[in-house]
Amino acid sequence: MTKLAAVLVAASLAASAQKPEKGFQALFNGKDLAGWTKAKENEGTFSVKDGAIVANGPRCHLYYTGAGADWKNFELKVDVMTQANSNGGIYFHTAYQEKNWPDKGFEVQVNNTFVKDPRKTASLYMVQDNHGDVASDGKWFTEHIVVKDKKVTVFVDGKQVTQWSQPDGWAGPKNMPGRVLDHGTIALQGHDPGSTVHYRNIRIKPLK
């Protein structure tokens, strides 16, 4: 393949990966990190390659800080691909912070075969965990997160995996008091140097 052909193929992949369904807003343009802000630690963990955001390196989080970066009720869809023994995550109702794991909001787990953590893909991390296999490494799959009032539902490739309703008086798990349904932005997780996770076609639809 010539260099020009390779460039055209990459451009085609980027374009095809960023076409949201009707009613959805694209949060990633497939070319660069416009509208996104890296935490101030290990910023090299995130890069853009072949139309996807790639997370590989020491802990870092990438926050959406573009237009309208504050949602309460919504549908979020993210196409994800993991390499073997990789861990990642998609946060919602969170807020930008410079270091550490996000204190605010919930993490929807990305983990098909990461051996050190039993919480698998589509877990609402440490709130409503999934321990079953729902996706495979090396293949694109779609995590679809629906948040409506006090209910969170997570689908993988159209199949419901996790559903949780926040109880009255809920103050979050003991060690994670910020895990309370509220409002906020979206963030992607870069977990560790041994994990490689690709995120693309990130789109959101606000719900009334």
Foldseek 3Di string as FASTA:
>chain_A
DDPVVVVVQLVVQLVVQADDDPQKDGQDSLPFLVQKDKAQPPVVQWDHDSSWIKGAAAKIKIWRRHPPFKAQWKKKKKKKAWAAQAWKWKFFQFEDDRDDDTLATWTQIDAQHNPVDQFHGRQRPPPRGDRDHDDDHPDIWMWMWGHDDQKIWIDINRHTDDIDGQDPPDQDPPVRSNHHRDMGGMMMIRHHNVIMMIIHNIIMHHDD
